[in-house]
Amino acid sequence: MSAPIVSTLLPAHNAENTIRLAVSSLLRQTFADFEIIAVDDGSQDGTGAVLDELASDRRLRVLHVPHSGWWLR
């Protein structure tokens, strides 16, 4: 299997209420050769669990990282 042509980065922090809709929308795109890299930025709600559940779709990769607040540095 070759690498996808397009990679979409989806950062999320405490987005349990909206992350399922966001990922579902991306997965419904008509362009087929893509991947979604979802980054759970240390969420304290169920964001990570929802992403892990949705990762049964091979186009979705999930990374769990500690909350960094990199934009505040």
PDB file of N, CA and C in Angstrom:
ATOM      1  N   MET A   1       0.841  -1.183   0.000  1.00  0.00           N
ATOM      2  CA  MET A   1       0.000   0.000   0.000  1.00  0.00           C
ATOM      3  C   MET A   1       0.882   1.241   0.000  1.00  0.00           C
ATOM      4  N   SER A   2       0.632   2.159  -0.893  1.00  0.00           N
ATOM      5  CA  SER A   2       1.430   3.378  -0.971  1.00  0.00           C
ATOM      6  C   SER A   2       0.870   4.452  -0.050  1.00  0.00           C
ATOM      7  N   ALA A   3       1.689   5.447   0.204  1.00  0.00           N
ATOM      8  CA  ALA A   3       1.263   6.559   1.062  1.00  0.00           C
ATOM      9  C   ALA A   3       0.152   7.341   0.369  1.00  0.00           C
ATOM     10  N   PRO A   4      -0.792   7.865   1.138  1.00  0.00           N
ATOM     11  CA  PRO A   4      -1.874   8.654   0.529  1.00  0.00           C
ATOM     12  C   PRO A   4      -1.339   9.961  -0.052  1.00  0.00           C
ATOM     13  N   ILE A   5      -2.054  10.483  -1.002  1.00  0.00           N
ATOM     14  CA  ILE A   5      -1.664  11.738  -1.647  1.00  0.00           C
ATOM     15  C   ILE A   5      -1.858  12.925  -0.705  1.00  0.00           C
ATOM     16  N   VAL A   6      -2.913  12.905   0.095  1.00  0.00           N
ATOM     17  CA  VAL A   6      -3.254  14.027   0.967  1.00  0.00           C
ATOM     18  C   VAL A   6      -3.319  13.548   2.415  1.00  0.00           C
ATOM     19  N   SER A   7      -2.699  14.316   3.302  1.00  0.00           N
ATOM     20  CA  SER A   7      -2.810  14.079   4.738  1.00  0.00           C
ATOM     21  C   SER A   7      -3.478  15.298   5.359  1.00  0.00           C
ATOM     22  N   THR A   8      -4.486  15.048   6.183  1.00  0.00           N
ATOM     23  CA  THR A   8      -5.191  16.116   6.877  1.00  0.00           C
ATOM     24  C   THR A   8      -4.901  15.988   8.361  1.00  0.00           C
ATOM     25  N   LEU A   9      -4.420  17.067   8.956  1.00  0.00           N
ATOM     26  CA  LEU A   9      -4.133  17.088  10.383  1.00  0.00           C
ATOM     27  C   LEU A   9      -5.330  17.674  11.114  1.00  0.00           C
ATOM     28  N   LEU A  10      -5.815  16.933  12.117  1.00  0.00           N
ATOM     29  CA  LEU A  10      -6.984  17.363  12.874  1.00  0.00           C
ATOM     30  C   LEU A  10      -6.626  17.421  14.356  1.00  0.00           C
ATOM     31  N   PRO A  11      -6.229  18.595  14.853  1.00  0.00           N
ATOM     32  CA  PRO A  11      -5.933  18.719  16.282  1.00  0.00           C
ATOM     33  C   PRO A  11      -7.231  18.792  17.079  1.00  0.00           C
ATOM     34  N   ALA A  12      -7.212  18.214  18.277  1.00  0.00           N
ATOM     35  CA  ALA A  12      -8.412  18.238  19.112  1.00  0.00           C
ATOM     36  C   ALA A  12      -8.023  18.306  20.583  1.00  0.00           C
ATOM     37  N   HIS A  13      -8.727  19.154  21.314  1.00  0.00           N
ATOM     38  CA  HIS A  13      -8.538  19.248  22.766  1.00  0.00           C
ATOM     39  C   HIS A  13      -9.912  19.427  23.399  1.00  0.00           C
ATOM     40  N   ASN A  14     -10.301  18.449  24.196  1.00  0.00           N
ATOM     41  CA  ASN A  14     -11.615  18.476  24.855  1.00  0.00           C
ATOM     42  C   ASN A  14     -12.739  18.759  23.862  1.00  0.00           C
ATOM     43  N   ALA A  15     -12.770  17.971  22.803  1.00  0.00           N
ATOM     44  CA  ALA A  15     -13.739  18.163  21.721  1.00  0.00           C
ATOM     45  C   ALA A  15     -14.720  16.997  21.612  1.00  0.00           C
ATOM     46  N   GLU A  16     -14.987  16.341  22.731  1.00  0.00           N
ATOM     47  CA  GLU A  16     -15.842  15.155  22.721  1.00  0.00           C
ATOM     48  C   GLU A  16     -17.181  15.406  22.027  1.00  0.00           C
ATOM     49  N   ASN A  17     -17.753  16.575  22.201  1.00  0.00           N
ATOM     50  CA  ASN A  17     -19.080  16.876  21.648  1.00  0.00           C
ATOM     51  C   ASN A  17     -19.086  17.105  20.145  1.00  0.00           C
ATOM     52  N   THR A  18     -17.924  17.376  19.553  1.00  0.00           N
ATOM     53  CA  THR A  18     -17.897  17.720  18.126  1.00  0.00           C
ATOM     54  C   THR A  18     -16.958  16.861  17.284  1.00  0.00           C
ATOM     55  N   ILE A  19     -16.080  16.091  17.911  1.00  0.00           N
ATOM     56  CA  ILE A  19     -15.045  15.391  17.138  1.00  0.00           C
ATOM     57  C   ILE A  19     -15.622  14.318  16.222  1.00  0.00           C
ATOM     58  N   ARG A  20     -16.666  13.629  16.662  1.00  0.00           N
ATOM     59  CA  ARG A  20     -17.275  12.586  15.820  1.00  0.00           C
ATOM     60  C   ARG A  20     -17.817  13.194  14.523  1.00  0.00           C
ATOM     61  N   LEU A  21     -18.483  14.330  14.634  1.00  0.00           N
ATOM     62  CA  LEU A  21     -19.020  15.007  13.451  1.00  0.00           C
ATOM     63  C   LEU A  21     -17.896  15.477  12.523  1.00  0.00           C
ATOM     64  N   ALA A  22     -16.836  16.017  13.097  1.00  0.00           N
ATOM     65  CA  ALA A  22     -15.713  16.504  12.280  1.00  0.00           C
ATOM     66  C   ALA A  22     -15.052  15.360  11.511  1.00  0.00           C
ATOM     67  N   VAL A  23     -14.782  14.265  12.196  1.00  0.00           N
ATOM     68  CA  VAL A  23     -14.139  13.123  11.531  1.00  0.00           C
ATOM     69  C   VAL A  23     -15.077  12.507  10.502  1.00  0.00           C
ATOM     70  N   SER A  24     -16.329  12.351  10.844  1.00  0.00           N
ATOM     71  CA  SER A  24     -17.298  11.769   9.903  1.00  0.00           C
ATOM     72  C   SER A  24     -17.400  12.603   8.637  1.00  0.00           C
ATOM     73  N   SER A  25     -17.371  13.911   8.788  1.00  0.00           N
ATOM     74  CA  SER A  25     -17.426  14.795   7.629  1.00  0.00           C
ATOM     75  C   SER A  25     -16.214  14.586   6.726  1.00  0.00           C
ATOM     76  N   LEU A  26     -15.043  14.494   7.328  1.00  0.00           N
ATOM     77  CA  LEU A  26     -13.827  14.259   6.533  1.00  0.00           C
ATOM     78  C   LEU A  26     -13.871  12.903   5.832  1.00  0.00           C
ATOM     79  N   LEU A  27     -14.348  11.886   6.520  1.00  0.00           N
ATOM     80  CA  LEU A  27     -14.387  10.545   5.932  1.00  0.00           C
ATOM     81  C   LEU A  27     -15.394  10.433   4.790  1.00  0.00           C
ATOM     82  N   ARG A  28     -16.349  11.330   4.715  1.00  0.00           N
ATOM     83  CA  ARG A  28     -17.358  11.293   3.645  1.00  0.00           C
ATOM     84  C   ARG A  28     -16.904  12.022   2.376  1.00  0.00           C
ATOM     85  N   GLN A  29     -15.719  12.550   2.338  1.00  0.00           N
ATOM     86  CA  GLN A  29     -15.250  13.274   1.163  1.00  0.00           C
ATOM     87  C   GLN A  29     -15.227  12.357  -0.059  1.00  0.00           C
ATOM     88  N   THR A  30     -15.418  12.931  -1.216  1.00  0.00           N
ATOM     89  CA  THR A  30     -15.432  12.128  -2.438  1.00  0.00           C
ATOM     90  C   THR A  30     -14.027  11.789  -2.913  1.00  0.00           C
ATOM     91  N   PHE A  31     -13.047  12.603  -2.563  1.00  0.00           N
ATOM     92  CA  PHE A  31     -11.659  12.290  -2.896  1.00  0.00           C
ATOM     93  C   PHE A  31     -11.232  11.124  -2.008  1.00  0.00           C
ATOM     94  N   ALA A  32     -10.691  10.073  -2.595  1.00  0.00           N
ATOM     95  CA  ALA A  32     -10.479   8.836  -1.835  1.00  0.00           C
ATOM     96  C   ALA A  32      -9.066   8.643  -1.290  1.00  0.00           C
ATOM     97  N   ASP A  33      -8.065   9.237  -1.900  1.00  0.00           N
ATOM     98  CA  ASP A  33      -6.679   8.932  -1.533  1.00  0.00           C
ATOM     99  C   ASP A  33      -6.156   9.898  -0.469  1.00  0.00           C
ATOM    100  N   PHE A  34      -6.656   9.748   0.760  1.00  0.00           N
ATOM    101  CA  PHE A  34      -6.265  10.651   1.833  1.00  0.00           C
ATOM    102  C   PHE A  34      -6.185   9.907   3.154  1.00  0.00           C
ATOM    103  N   GLU A  35      -5.565  10.554   4.117  1.00  0.00           N
ATOM    104  CA  GLU A  35      -5.546  10.060   5.487  1.00  0.00           C
ATOM    105  C   GLU A  35      -5.847  11.229   6.415  1.00  0.00           C
ATOM    106  N   ILE A  36      -6.364  10.897   7.582  1.00  0.00           N
ATOM    107  CA  ILE A  36      -6.592  11.889   8.627  1.00  0.00           C
ATOM    108  C   ILE A  36      -5.674  11.527   9.782  1.00  0.00           C
ATOM    109  N   ILE A  37      -4.907  12.483  10.223  1.00  0.00           N
ATOM    110  CA  ILE A  37      -4.076  12.296  11.402  1.00  0.00           C
ATOM    111  C   ILE A  37      -4.697  13.159  12.488  1.00  0.00           C
ATOM    112  N   ALA A  38      -5.377  12.508  13.413  1.00  0.00           N
ATOM    113  CA  ALA A  38      -6.046  13.219  14.500  1.00  0.00           C
ATOM    114  C   ALA A  38      -5.122  13.220  15.711  1.00  0.00           C
ATOM    115  N   VAL A  39      -4.897  14.401  16.272  1.00  0.00           N
ATOM    116  CA  VAL A  39      -4.023  14.538  17.433  1.00  0.00           C
ATOM    117  C   VAL A  39      -4.873  14.944  18.630  1.00  0.00           C
ATOM    118  N   ASP A  40      -4.981  14.027  19.585  1.00  0.00           N
ATOM    119  CA  ASP A  40      -5.681  14.314  20.831  1.00  0.00           C
ATOM    120  C   ASP A  40      -4.679  15.003  21.750  1.00  0.00           C
ATOM    121  N   ASP A  41      -4.843  16.296  21.934  1.00  0.00           N
ATOM    122  CA  ASP A  41      -3.892  17.116  22.691  1.00  0.00           C
ATOM    123  C   ASP A  41      -4.242  17.107  24.183  1.00  0.00           C
ATOM    124  N   GLY A  42      -4.064  15.939  24.804  1.00  0.00           N
ATOM    125  CA  GLY A  42      -4.246  15.830  26.246  1.00  0.00           C
ATOM    126  C   GLY A  42      -5.653  16.116  26.729  1.00  0.00           C
ATOM    127  N   SER A  43      -6.642  15.723  25.957  1.00  0.00           N
ATOM    128  CA  SER A  43      -8.029  15.973  26.354  1.00  0.00           C
ATOM    129  C   SER A  43      -8.356  15.305  27.681  1.00  0.00           C
ATOM    130  N   GLN A  44      -9.205  15.978  28.452  1.00  0.00           N
ATOM    131  CA  GLN A  44      -9.632  15.442  29.736  1.00  0.00           C
ATOM    132  C   GLN A  44     -11.070  14.943  29.685  1.00  0.00           C
ATOM    133  N   ASP A  45     -11.663  14.969  28.509  1.00  0.00           N
ATOM    134  CA  ASP A  45     -13.002  14.420  28.327  1.00  0.00           C
ATOM    135  C   ASP A  45     -12.875  13.122  27.519  1.00  0.00           C
ATOM    136  N   GLY A  46     -13.883  12.750  26.783  1.00  0.00           N
ATOM    137  CA  GLY A  46     -13.863  11.499  26.032  1.00  0.00           C
ATOM    138  C   GLY A  46     -13.358  11.606  24.607  1.00  0.00           C
ATOM    139  N   THR A  47     -12.687  12.697  24.275  1.00  0.00           N
ATOM    140  CA  THR A  47     -12.206  12.895  22.905  1.00  0.00           C
ATOM    141  C   THR A  47     -11.346  11.732  22.428  1.00  0.00           C
ATOM    142  N   GLY A  48     -10.385  11.345  23.240  1.00  0.00           N
ATOM    143  CA  GLY A  48      -9.481  10.262  22.859  1.00  0.00           C
ATOM    144  C   GLY A  48     -10.202   8.953  22.616  1.00  0.00           C
ATOM    145  N   ALA A  49     -11.169   8.633  23.454  1.00  0.00           N
ATOM    146  CA  ALA A  49     -11.934   7.390  23.301  1.00  0.00           C
ATOM    147  C   ALA A  49     -12.759   7.407  22.016  1.00  0.00           C
ATOM    148  N   VAL A  50     -13.362   8.544  21.710  1.00  0.00           N
ATOM    149  CA  VAL A  50     -14.139   8.660  20.469  1.00  0.00           C
ATOM    150  C   VAL A  50     -13.215   8.471  19.267  1.00  0.00           C
ATOM    151  N   LEU A  51     -12.064   9.114  19.277  1.00  0.00           N
ATOM    152  CA  LEU A  51     -11.122   8.969  18.164  1.00  0.00           C
ATOM    153  C   LEU A  51     -10.660   7.517  18.019  1.00  0.00           C
ATOM    154  N   ASP A  52     -10.364   6.864  19.134  1.00  0.00           N
ATOM    155  CA  ASP A  52      -9.945   5.463  19.075  1.00  0.00           C
ATOM    156  C   ASP A  52     -11.047   4.586  18.480  1.00  0.00           C
ATOM    157  N   GLU A  53     -12.275   4.872  18.825  1.00  0.00           N
ATOM    158  CA  GLU A  53     -13.407   4.120  18.275  1.00  0.00           C
ATOM    159  C   GLU A  53     -13.504   4.312  16.762  1.00  0.00           C
ATOM    160  N   LEU A  54     -13.350   5.547  16.316  1.00  0.00           N
ATOM    161  CA  LEU A  54     -13.465   5.858  14.889  1.00  0.00           C
ATOM    162  C   LEU A  54     -12.273   5.342  14.085  1.00  0.00           C
ATOM    163  N   ALA A  55     -11.171   5.040  14.762  1.00  0.00           N
ATOM    164  CA  ALA A  55      -9.950   4.610  14.078  1.00  0.00           C
ATOM    165  C   ALA A  55     -10.072   3.217  13.475  1.00  0.00           C
ATOM    166  N   SER A  56     -11.231   2.600  13.592  1.00  0.00           N
ATOM    167  CA  SER A  56     -11.432   1.333  12.880  1.00  0.00           C
ATOM    168  C   SER A  56     -11.389   1.571  11.365  1.00  0.00           C
ATOM    169  N   ASP A  57     -11.597   2.813  10.954  1.00  0.00           N
ATOM    170  CA  ASP A  57     -11.431   3.195   9.547  1.00  0.00           C
ATOM    171  C   ASP A  57      -9.947   3.386   9.294  1.00  0.00           C
ATOM    172  N   ARG A  58      -9.376   2.651   8.358  1.00  0.00           N
ATOM    173  CA  ARG A  58      -7.926   2.670   8.128  1.00  0.00           C
ATOM    174  C   ARG A  58      -7.389   4.040   7.683  1.00  0.00           C
ATOM    175  N   ARG A  59      -8.273   4.930   7.256  1.00  0.00           N
ATOM    176  CA  ARG A  59      -7.825   6.264   6.831  1.00  0.00           C
ATOM    177  C   ARG A  59      -7.560   7.189   8.008  1.00  0.00           C
ATOM    178  N   LEU A  60      -7.948   6.781   9.206  1.00  0.00           N
ATOM    179  CA  LEU A  60      -7.779   7.614  10.397  1.00  0.00           C
ATOM    180  C   LEU A  60      -6.674   7.059  11.281  1.00  0.00           C
ATOM    181  N   ARG A  61      -5.678   7.904  11.555  1.00  0.00           N
ATOM    182  CA  ARG A  61      -4.626   7.570  12.520  1.00  0.00           C
ATOM    183  C   ARG A  61      -4.784   8.514  13.691  1.00  0.00           C
ATOM    184  N   VAL A  62      -4.636   7.990  14.898  1.00  0.00           N
ATOM    185  CA  VAL A  62      -4.830   8.792  16.103  1.00  0.00           C
ATOM    186  C   VAL A  62      -3.542   8.845  16.899  1.00  0.00           C
ATOM    187  N   LEU A  63      -3.157  10.049  17.280  1.00  0.00           N
ATOM    188  CA  LEU A  63      -2.010  10.253  18.160  1.00  0.00           C
ATOM    189  C   LEU A  63      -2.521  10.872  19.450  1.00  0.00           C
ATOM    190  N   HIS A  64      -2.083  10.336  20.576  1.00  0.00           N
ATOM    191  CA  HIS A  64      -2.421  10.895  21.884  1.00  0.00           C
ATOM    192  C   HIS A  64      -1.154  11.524  22.445  1.00  0.00           C
ATOM    193  N   VAL A  65      -1.211  12.817  22.686  1.00  0.00           N
ATOM    194  CA  VAL A  65      -0.040  13.530  23.229  1.00  0.00           C
ATOM    195  C   VAL A  65      -0.462  14.319  24.466  1.00  0.00           C
ATOM    196  N   PRO A  66       0.486  14.551  25.386  1.00  0.00           N
ATOM    197  CA  PRO A  66       0.157  15.393  26.544  1.00  0.00           C
ATOM    198  C   PRO A  66      -0.185  16.804  26.082  1.00  0.00           C
ATOM    199  N   HIS A  67      -1.086  17.449  26.794  1.00  0.00           N
ATOM    200  CA  HIS A  67      -1.457  18.822  26.444  1.00  0.00           C
ATOM    201  C   HIS A  67      -0.223  19.716  26.567  1.00  0.00           C
ATOM    202  N   SER A  68       0.118  20.385  25.488  1.00  0.00           N
ATOM    203  CA  SER A  68       1.358  21.156  25.485  1.00  0.00           C
ATOM    204  C   SER A  68       1.148  22.662  25.476  1.00  0.00           C
ATOM    205  N   GLY A  69       0.045  23.106  24.917  1.00  0.00           N
ATOM    206  CA  GLY A  69      -0.159  24.548  24.826  1.00  0.00           C
ATOM    207  C   GLY A  69       0.960  25.249  24.082  1.00  0.00           C
ATOM    208  N   TRP A  70       1.472  24.613  23.024  1.00  0.00           N
ATOM    209  CA  TRP A  70       2.631  25.122  22.289  1.00  0.00           C
ATOM    210  C   TRP A  70       2.436  26.554  21.803  1.00  0.00           C
ATOM    211  N   TRP A  71       1.190  26.950  21.546  1.00  0.00           N
ATOM    212  CA  TRP A  71       0.944  28.292  21.030  1.00  0.00           C
ATOM    213  C   TRP A  71       1.155  29.370  22.110  1.00  0.00           C
ATOM    214  N   LEU A  72       1.312  28.957  23.361  1.00  0.00           N
ATOM    215  CA  LEU A  72       1.512  29.928  24.432  1.00  0.00           C
ATOM    216  C   LEU A  72       2.986  30.220  24.697  1.00  0.00           C
ATOM    217  N   ARG A  73       3.850  29.485  24.065  1.00  0.00           N
ATOM    218  CA  ARG A  73       5.285  29.657  24.311  1.00  0.00           C
ATOM    219  C   ARG A  73       5.850  30.830  23.566  1.00  0.00           C
TER     220      ARG A  73
END
